[in-house]
């Protein structure tokens, strides 16, 4: 049976699933936040802080940076780095679930670069001298642009992709590589899951982390390519993921392909009867346009959350299409856009307030001053209340990063006076 949700109900379930609502949202600190989210995206850009720190800050407030680092990179390992939505920090218990991707890399025999013949030599270096950084094995670059990697860097990243080595901690911002057999608990190494088992279990994790998600949302969370996406289709339609089909009012009607699911049923070894059940299921619930965590449907989300800026790589907003659908908010990361073509700024952070994305801040730091290089409010948001929310977000972020003053350089004229007044402390 398909559950019907309003768009507002779905949005609140999503906020709770993402750790912004509910009595348990902050319990357990940064380690619990990582487990709740399932994946925290990494990125090299650092403005207020690096993105993985901003994710914790958005949910927990002024959490100490060392606490965040220990949640991600510790000994013994509580997390590892691998490819999920992008390069992400993932709970160490999820190591077996990415076997399908490690096998895919091995079969592909190619990275962004040709895999060099020195792979075995580099692996032996790690075996004998590990843990190692790229500096220990010959350096990361040949000397040209950032993508002009040395053979040793290509080799070690290939070994990471295929699971021979793993990164469970960093020194500064440099990865530390070690043999998976040394860094990953033996009980996890011993698990041998099929591709279908991996995808099914990961879809459950993604569904719980997202709260309510379309098929496209799940595919984007896990960045599934065609063979794995077909396995996902089959599991959604036959209930293998444990997620509940729902219809969210106002969301596009795009059910998963029954044809793709039947194809996936052949690949996963399902019987003809099971494949027929899958097809019947897709016809029986045509109104479903999304899936939800069944536990999240049991109780109504309650509570309020703090006003906070969000990293553009935060899983609440990392998918532009989903963000537009859930919040009516269109944004893009403009860090890689030429300066003269930027609309909102280099590292524009959406501001979450009252369950909505109410504005944008492009932050910077100048000594002990937090600078809003560009600040804007979304259409339809009350100017006074919106200005107060933006000011709260700026001042709290300033305190977290050790700034004692706030300055705004550029703001829309209609917002200038109320924001100026709201910033007075």
Protein backbone atom coordinates (compact mmCIF):
# COMPACT_ATOMS: atom_id res chain seq x y z
CA UNK A 1 0.00 0.00 0.00
CA UNK A 2 1.31 3.43 -0.94
CA UNK A 3 1.46 6.07 1.80
CA UNK A 4 0.48 9.61 0.80
CA UNK A 5 2.49 12.56 2.12
CA UNK A 6 2.17 16.26 1.56
CA UNK A 7 5.27 18.05 0.36
CA UNK A 8 5.53 19.74 3.77
CA UNK A 9 5.33 16.40 5.62
CA UNK A 10 8.03 14.98 3.38
CA UNK A 11 10.24 18.02 3.99
CA UNK A 12 9.98 17.66 7.77
CA UNK A 13 10.72 13.93 7.61
CA UNK A 14 13.78 14.76 5.53
CA UNK A 15 14.97 17.36 8.05
CA UNK A 16 14.63 14.84 10.89
CA UNK A 17 16.40 12.11 8.94
CA UNK A 18 19.25 14.53 8.24
CA UNK A 19 19.67 15.33 11.93
CA UNK A 20 18.04 18.75 12.10
CA UNK A 21 14.85 17.88 14.00
CA UNK A 22 14.06 15.64 16.95
CA UNK A 23 15.22 15.05 20.50
CA UNK A 24 17.92 12.60 19.39
CA UNK A 25 19.36 14.80 16.65
CA UNK A 26 22.46 15.87 18.61
CA UNK A 27 22.88 12.78 20.75
CA UNK A 28 26.15 10.96 20.20
CA UNK A 29 27.98 13.93 18.69
CA UNK A 30 29.95 13.79 15.45
CA UNK A 31 30.33 9.96 15.32
CA UNK A 32 26.55 9.52 15.54
CA UNK A 33 26.05 12.21 12.90
CA UNK A 34 28.26 10.28 10.49
CA UNK A 35 26.32 7.07 11.13
CA UNK A 36 23.01 8.89 10.67
CA UNK A 37 24.04 10.50 7.38
CA UNK A 38 25.73 7.39 5.99
CA UNK A 39 28.18 9.52 3.99
CA UNK A 40 29.88 12.88 4.51
CA UNK A 41 31.30 14.37 1.33
CA UNK A 42 34.90 15.60 1.30
CA UNK A 43 36.22 18.58 -0.61
CA UNK A 44 39.48 20.51 -0.72
CA UNK A 45 37.82 23.96 -0.52
CA UNK A 46 38.18 25.58 2.89
CA UNK A 47 36.50 28.92 3.58
CA UNK A 48 35.04 29.01 7.10
CA UNK A 49 36.21 25.43 7.48
CA UNK A 50 36.37 22.35 5.30
CA UNK A 51 33.05 20.93 4.19
CA UNK A 52 33.17 17.83 6.42
CA UNK A 53 33.51 20.13 9.44
CA UNK A 54 30.65 22.34 8.27
CA UNK A 55 28.36 19.30 8.04
CA UNK A 56 28.89 18.52 11.73
CA UNK A 57 28.63 22.20 12.70
CA UNK A 58 25.28 22.61 10.93
CA UNK A 59 23.75 19.88 13.08
CA UNK A 60 25.66 20.11 16.35
CA UNK A 61 26.54 23.77 16.70
CA UNK A 62 29.98 24.88 17.86
CA UNK A 63 31.42 21.37 18.05
CA UNK A 64 35.17 21.22 18.54
CA UNK A 65 37.08 20.56 15.35
CA UNK A 66 39.17 17.85 17.00
CA UNK A 67 35.99 16.00 17.92
CA UNK A 68 34.97 16.06 14.27
CA UNK A 69 38.40 14.85 13.14
CA UNK A 70 38.34 11.97 15.64
CA UNK A 71 34.90 10.93 14.41
CA UNK A 72 36.26 10.55 10.89
CA UNK A 73 39.92 9.64 11.26
CA UNK A 74 40.88 7.72 14.37
CA UNK A 75 42.74 4.62 15.53
CA UNK A 76 41.17 2.09 15.61
CA UNK A 77 39.25 3.13 12.55
CA UNK A 78 35.70 4.37 12.92
CA UNK A 79 35.44 5.48 9.28
CA UNK A 80 37.12 5.14 5.90
CA UNK A 81 37.26 7.17 2.71
CA UNK A 82 35.70 5.89 -0.48
CA UNK A 83 33.45 6.71 -3.41
CA UNK A 84 29.77 7.10 -2.54
CA UNK A 85 27.95 10.26 -3.71
CA UNK A 86 31.48 11.52 -4.36
CA UNK A 87 34.66 11.14 -2.32
CA UNK A 88 33.17 10.63 1.13
CA UNK A 89 33.90 9.62 4.70
CA UNK A 90 31.89 6.47 5.43
CA UNK A 91 31.27 4.47 8.63
CA UNK A 92 33.81 1.64 8.86
CA UNK A 93 30.99 -0.89 9.32
CA UNK A 94 29.93 -0.17 5.74
CA UNK A 95 33.22 -1.43 4.26
CA UNK A 96 31.70 -4.72 2.98
CA UNK A 97 28.88 -2.87 1.20
CA UNK A 98 31.23 -1.24 -1.31
CA UNK A 99 32.58 -4.55 -2.59
CA UNK A 100 30.45 -4.11 -5.73
CA UNK A 101 32.26 -0.87 -6.54
CA UNK A 102 35.71 -2.29 -5.79
CA UNK A 103 34.96 -5.18 -8.15
CA UNK A 104 33.79 -2.75 -10.80
CA UNK A 105 37.07 -0.82 -10.60
CA UNK A 106 39.09 -4.03 -10.91
CA UNK A 107 37.12 -5.06 -13.99
CA UNK A 108 37.46 -1.62 -15.54
CA UNK A 109 41.26 -1.59 -15.17
CA UNK A 110 41.33 2.15 -15.67
CA UNK A 111 41.10 5.24 -13.52
CA UNK A 112 41.16 8.84 -14.77
CA UNK A 113 44.67 7.91 -15.79
CA UNK A 114 46.18 4.76 -17.22
CA UNK A 115 47.11 2.50 -14.32
CA UNK A 116 50.92 2.26 -14.30
CA UNK A 117 52.96 -0.93 -14.20
CA UNK A 118 54.35 0.15 -10.83
CA UNK A 119 51.17 -0.80 -8.93
CA UNK A 120 52.64 -3.99 -7.49
CA UNK A 121 55.78 -2.15 -6.42
CA UNK A 122 53.76 0.52 -4.63
CA UNK A 123 51.63 -2.13 -2.92
CA UNK A 124 54.80 -3.79 -1.68
CA UNK A 125 56.02 -0.45 -0.34
CA UNK A 126 52.83 -0.12 1.68
CA UNK A 127 53.09 -3.71 2.86
CA UNK A 128 56.64 -3.23 4.08
CA UNK A 129 56.68 0.41 5.17
CA UNK A 130 53.05 1.37 5.72
CA UNK A 131 51.11 3.31 6.71
CA UNK A 132 52.32 5.80 4.07
CA UNK A 133 51.47 9.13 2.48
CA UNK A 134 52.19 10.02 -1.14
CA UNK A 135 55.34 11.79 0.08
CA UNK A 136 56.64 8.41 1.30
CA UNK A 137 56.19 6.74 -2.08
CA UNK A 138 57.48 9.41 -4.45
CA UNK A 139 55.15 12.39 -4.27
CA UNK A 140 51.72 13.20 -5.63
CA UNK A 141 52.46 15.23 -8.76
CA UNK A 142 54.86 15.27 -11.65
CA UNK A 143 55.14 19.02 -11.21
CA UNK A 144 52.40 20.28 -13.53
CA UNK A 145 48.69 20.99 -12.86
CA UNK A 146 46.87 19.25 -10.01
CA UNK A 147 45.65 16.44 -12.28
CA UNK A 148 49.16 15.72 -13.54
CA UNK A 149 49.66 12.96 -11.00
CA UNK A 150 52.85 10.99 -10.55
CA UNK A 151 52.76 7.27 -11.31
CA UNK A 152 53.02 6.51 -7.59
CA UNK A 153 49.97 8.69 -6.84
CA UNK A 154 47.96 7.02 -9.62
CA UNK A 155 49.00 3.61 -8.34
CA UNK A 156 48.11 4.25 -4.70
CA UNK A 157 44.72 5.72 -5.63
CA UNK A 158 44.05 2.72 -7.85
CA UNK A 159 44.86 0.44 -4.93
CA UNK A 160 42.44 2.50 -2.83
CA UNK A 161 39.72 2.15 -5.49
CA UNK A 162 40.14 -1.62 -5.64
CA UNK A 163 40.33 -2.10 -1.89
CA UNK A 164 43.91 -3.28 -1.55
CA UNK A 165 44.66 -0.23 0.59
CA UNK A 166 42.39 2.01 2.63
CA UNK A 167 42.49 5.51 4.08
CA UNK A 168 41.18 5.65 7.65
CA UNK A 169 43.07 8.73 8.80
CA UNK A 170 44.83 11.85 7.54
CA UNK A 171 47.86 13.88 8.51
CA UNK A 172 46.93 17.49 7.90
CA UNK A 173 44.98 17.14 4.70
CA UNK A 174 47.09 14.27 3.33
CA UNK A 175 45.68 10.80 3.14
CA UNK A 176 47.46 8.04 5.04
CA UNK A 177 47.25 4.73 3.17
CA UNK A 178 47.53 1.32 4.77
CA UNK A 179 46.75 -2.25 3.80
CA UNK A 180 43.04 -2.96 4.16
CA UNK A 181 43.92 -6.18 5.99
CA UNK A 182 45.68 -4.12 8.68
CA UNK A 183 43.23 -1.23 9.00
CA UNK A 184 39.79 -2.81 8.48
CA UNK A 185 38.47 -5.11 11.24
CA UNK A 186 38.71 -8.79 10.32
CA UNK A 187 34.98 -9.36 10.80
CA UNK A 188 34.28 -6.81 8.05
CA UNK A 189 36.93 -8.15 5.70
CA UNK A 190 35.39 -11.60 6.05
CA UNK A 191 32.00 -10.51 4.70
CA UNK A 192 31.59 -11.51 1.06
CA UNK A 193 28.50 -9.87 -0.43
CA UNK A 194 27.14 -10.13 -3.95
CA UNK A 195 26.58 -6.98 -5.99
CA UNK A 196 22.84 -7.23 -5.33
CA UNK A 197 23.34 -7.57 -1.59
CA UNK A 198 25.61 -4.52 -1.57
CA UNK A 199 23.16 -2.36 -3.50
CA UNK A 200 20.16 -3.46 -1.45
CA UNK A 201 21.81 -2.70 1.87
CA UNK A 202 23.24 0.60 0.67
CA UNK A 203 19.83 1.64 -0.65
CA UNK A 204 18.42 1.07 2.83
CA UNK A 205 21.16 3.27 4.31
CA UNK A 206 20.56 5.98 1.71
CA UNK A 207 16.80 5.80 2.25
CA UNK A 208 17.15 6.21 6.02
CA UNK A 209 19.63 9.08 5.59
CA UNK A 210 17.40 10.91 3.11
CA UNK A 211 14.12 10.15 4.90
CA UNK A 212 12.01 10.43 1.74
CA UNK A 213 13.63 9.91 -1.64
CA UNK A 214 12.82 9.34 -5.27
CA UNK A 215 14.62 6.66 -7.22
CA UNK A 216 16.76 9.41 -8.74
CA UNK A 217 17.68 10.63 -5.24
CA UNK A 218 18.83 7.17 -4.23
CA UNK A 219 20.81 6.72 -7.43
CA UNK A 220 22.46 10.10 -6.90
CA UNK A 221 23.28 9.42 -3.24
CA UNK A 222 25.13 6.25 -4.24
CA UNK A 223 26.11 7.35 -7.78
CA UNK A 224 24.92 4.07 -9.25
CA UNK A 225 25.63 3.28 -12.89
CA UNK A 226 23.35 1.20 -15.09
CA UNK A 227 24.00 -2.37 -13.83
CA UNK A 228 23.77 -1.39 -10.16
CA UNK A 229 20.81 0.94 -10.82
CA UNK A 230 18.93 -1.99 -12.32
CA UNK A 231 19.56 -3.97 -9.14
CA UNK A 232 18.18 -1.02 -7.17
CA UNK A 233 15.02 -0.96 -9.32
CA UNK A 234 14.33 -4.61 -8.63
CA UNK A 235 14.92 -4.23 -4.90
CA UNK A 236 12.64 -1.17 -4.66
CA UNK A 237 9.80 -2.92 -6.41
CA UNK A 238 10.03 -6.23 -4.55
CA UNK A 239 10.59 -4.59 -1.16
CA UNK A 240 14.14 -5.79 -0.75
CA UNK A 241 15.40 -2.41 0.46
CA UNK A 242 12.90 -2.30 3.31
CA UNK A 243 11.74 1.14 2.15
CA UNK A 244 8.04 2.02 1.93
CA UNK A 245 6.56 3.31 -1.34
CA UNK A 246 5.01 6.75 -0.89
CA UNK A 247 3.35 9.38 -2.99
CA UNK A 248 4.47 12.93 -2.22
CA UNK A 249 2.06 15.54 -3.45
CA UNK A 250 3.66 17.89 -5.94
CA UNK A 251 6.66 15.67 -6.61
CA UNK A 252 7.04 14.39 -10.20
CA UNK A 253 5.52 11.00 -10.97
CA UNK A 254 8.52 8.98 -12.11
CA UNK A 255 8.19 5.37 -10.96
CA UNK A 256 11.12 3.00 -11.38
CA UNK A 257 11.21 1.02 -14.59
CA UNK A 258 9.55 -2.39 -14.24
CA UNK A 259 11.41 -3.52 -17.35
CA UNK A 260 14.77 -2.61 -15.77
CA UNK A 261 13.70 -4.37 -12.61
CA UNK A 262 12.81 -7.57 -14.42
CA UNK A 263 16.20 -7.48 -16.11
CA UNK A 264 17.83 -7.01 -12.74
CA UNK A 265 15.84 -9.97 -11.42
CA UNK A 266 17.57 -12.19 -13.95
CA UNK A 267 20.98 -10.89 -12.87
CA UNK A 268 20.27 -11.46 -9.18
CA UNK A 269 19.07 -14.99 -9.78
CA UNK A 270 15.40 -14.42 -8.92
CA UNK A 271 12.97 -17.06 -10.05
CA UNK A 272 10.39 -16.45 -12.75
CA UNK A 273 7.69 -16.21 -10.06
CA UNK A 274 9.66 -13.55 -8.20
CA UNK A 275 10.18 -11.59 -11.40
CA UNK A 276 6.44 -11.80 -12.08
CA UNK A 277 5.73 -10.55 -8.55
CA UNK A 278 8.06 -7.64 -9.25
CA UNK A 279 6.10 -6.72 -12.37
CA UNK A 280 2.76 -7.05 -10.56
CA UNK A 281 4.07 -4.84 -7.75
CA UNK A 282 4.98 -2.08 -10.19
CA UNK A 283 1.47 -2.16 -11.66
CA UNK A 284 -0.24 -2.32 -8.25
CA UNK A 285 1.26 0.91 -6.93
CA UNK A 286 1.39 3.37 -9.84
CA UNK A 287 0.87 6.32 -7.47
CA UNK A 288 4.22 5.82 -5.73
CA UNK A 289 6.74 8.47 -6.77
CA UNK A 290 9.16 8.06 -3.87
CA UNK A 291 10.25 5.76 -1.05
CA UNK A 292 10.55 6.43 2.66
CA UNK A 293 12.17 4.96 5.72
CA UNK A 294 9.26 3.08 7.38
CA UNK A 295 10.47 4.02 10.87
CA UNK A 296 10.37 7.69 9.87
CA UNK A 297 6.70 7.30 8.93
CA UNK A 298 5.70 6.03 12.37
CA UNK A 299 5.88 9.37 14.18
CA UNK A 300 5.42 13.00 13.26
CA UNK A 301 8.64 15.05 13.17
CA UNK A 302 8.64 17.64 15.93
CA UNK A 303 10.89 20.35 17.24
CA UNK A 304 12.87 23.30 15.95
CA UNK A 305 16.40 23.52 14.66
CA UNK A 306 19.04 26.18 14.91
CA UNK A 307 19.54 28.65 12.10
CA UNK A 308 22.66 27.67 10.21
CA UNK A 309 24.55 28.07 6.94
CA UNK A 310 25.04 24.83 5.02
CA UNK A 311 28.00 23.64 3.03
CA UNK A 312 27.07 23.28 -0.66
CA UNK A 313 28.34 19.70 -0.23
CA UNK A 314 26.00 18.96 2.70
CA UNK A 315 23.81 15.94 1.96
CA UNK A 316 20.70 18.02 2.68
CA UNK A 317 21.45 20.12 -0.42
CA UNK A 318 24.16 18.33 -2.45
CA UNK A 319 21.64 17.26 -5.12
CA UNK A 320 20.44 20.38 -6.94
CA UNK A 321 17.30 18.76 -8.39
CA UNK A 322 16.27 17.37 -5.00
CA UNK A 323 16.93 20.71 -3.26
CA UNK A 324 14.71 22.49 -5.77
CA UNK A 325 11.99 19.88 -5.31
CA UNK A 326 12.06 19.79 -1.50
CA UNK A 327 12.81 23.43 -0.70
CA UNK A 328 11.98 25.35 -3.87
CA UNK A 329 15.57 26.59 -3.76
CA UNK A 330 17.87 26.69 -6.78
CA UNK A 331 21.59 26.89 -6.22
CA UNK A 332 24.87 25.85 -7.71
CA UNK A 333 28.44 25.85 -6.50
CA UNK A 334 30.14 28.75 -8.28
CA UNK A 335 33.70 28.12 -7.07
CA UNK A 336 34.56 26.76 -10.51
CA UNK A 337 32.65 29.44 -12.39
CA UNK A 338 34.69 32.41 -13.73
CA UNK A 339 34.46 35.31 -11.27
CA UNK A 340 32.66 37.58 -13.73
CA UNK A 341 29.91 34.99 -14.26
CA UNK A 342 29.16 34.29 -10.60
CA UNK A 343 25.70 35.25 -9.40
CA UNK A 344 25.85 34.53 -5.66
CA UNK A 345 29.55 34.06 -4.92
CA UNK A 346 32.51 31.69 -4.70
CA UNK A 347 31.33 29.37 -1.89
CA UNK A 348 27.73 30.40 -1.36
CA UNK A 349 26.15 28.65 1.60
CA UNK A 350 22.35 28.22 1.74
CA UNK A 351 20.94 29.33 5.09
CA UNK A 352 18.50 26.99 6.84
CA UNK A 353 15.99 28.65 9.16
CA UNK A 354 12.58 27.50 10.32
CA UNK A 355 12.73 24.41 8.14
CA UNK A 356 13.27 26.45 4.98
CA UNK A 357 16.21 27.67 2.93
CA UNK A 358 15.70 31.38 3.41
CA UNK A 359 18.84 32.97 1.97
CA UNK A 360 22.49 32.72 0.96
CA UNK A 361 25.82 33.79 2.43
CA UNK A 362 29.13 33.83 0.58
CA UNK A 363 31.60 33.88 3.51
CA UNK A 364 35.24 34.80 3.92
CA UNK A 365 37.61 35.63 6.78
CA UNK A 366 39.80 38.67 7.18
CA UNK A 367 41.81 38.31 10.37
CA UNK A 368 39.30 38.15 13.23
CA UNK A 369 36.41 39.37 11.06
CA UNK A 370 33.89 37.10 9.39
CA UNK A 371 32.94 38.71 6.09
CA UNK A 372 29.73 38.16 4.20
CA UNK A 373 31.03 38.99 0.76
CA UNK A 374 27.52 38.67 -0.59
CA UNK A 375 24.31 38.08 1.39
CA UNK A 376 20.84 37.65 -0.05
CA UNK A 377 17.33 36.69 1.00
CA UNK A 378 15.01 34.43 -0.98
CA UNK A 379 11.89 35.97 -2.57
CA UNK A 380 8.86 35.87 -0.31
CA UNK A 381 10.79 35.73 2.98
CA UNK A 382 9.85 38.42 5.49
CA UNK A 383 12.67 41.00 5.42
CA UNK A 384 12.88 41.62 9.16
CA UNK A 385 12.69 37.99 10.25
CA UNK A 386 14.93 36.93 7.38
CA UNK A 387 17.52 39.55 8.28
CA UNK A 388 17.50 38.39 11.90
CA UNK A 389 18.05 34.80 10.79
CA UNK A 390 20.91 35.76 8.50
CA UNK A 391 22.51 37.83 11.27
CA UNK A 392 22.20 34.94 13.73
CA UNK A 393 23.84 32.60 11.23
CA UNK A 394 26.71 35.02 10.64
CA UNK A 395 27.41 35.72 14.31
CA UNK A 396 27.24 32.10 15.41
CA UNK A 397 29.54 30.98 12.59
CA UNK A 398 31.92 33.81 13.48
CA UNK A 399 32.17 32.59 17.06
CA UNK A 400 32.79 29.02 15.93
CA UNK A 401 35.76 29.96 13.77
CA UNK A 402 37.23 32.37 16.31
CA UNK A 403 36.12 35.69 14.82
CA UNK A 404 34.88 38.54 17.01
CA UNK A 405 33.40 40.79 14.34
CA UNK A 406 31.08 40.48 11.35
CA UNK A 407 31.03 42.61 8.20
CA UNK A 408 28.78 42.40 5.16
CA UNK A 409 30.18 43.74 1.88
CA UNK A 410 27.35 43.30 -0.57
CA UNK A 411 23.62 42.95 0.02
CA UNK A 412 20.47 43.66 -1.96
CA UNK A 413 19.30 47.26 -1.30
CA UNK A 414 15.94 46.22 0.16
CA UNK A 415 17.73 44.05 2.75
CA UNK A 416 20.47 46.50 3.65
CA UNK A 417 18.78 48.41 6.49
CA UNK A 418 17.12 45.45 8.27
CA UNK A 419 20.31 43.39 8.06
CA UNK A 420 22.44 46.27 9.34
CA UNK A 421 20.11 46.62 12.33
CA UNK A 422 20.01 42.87 12.95
CA UNK A 423 23.83 42.61 12.96
CA UNK A 424 24.18 45.04 15.88
CA UNK A 425 25.28 43.05 18.93
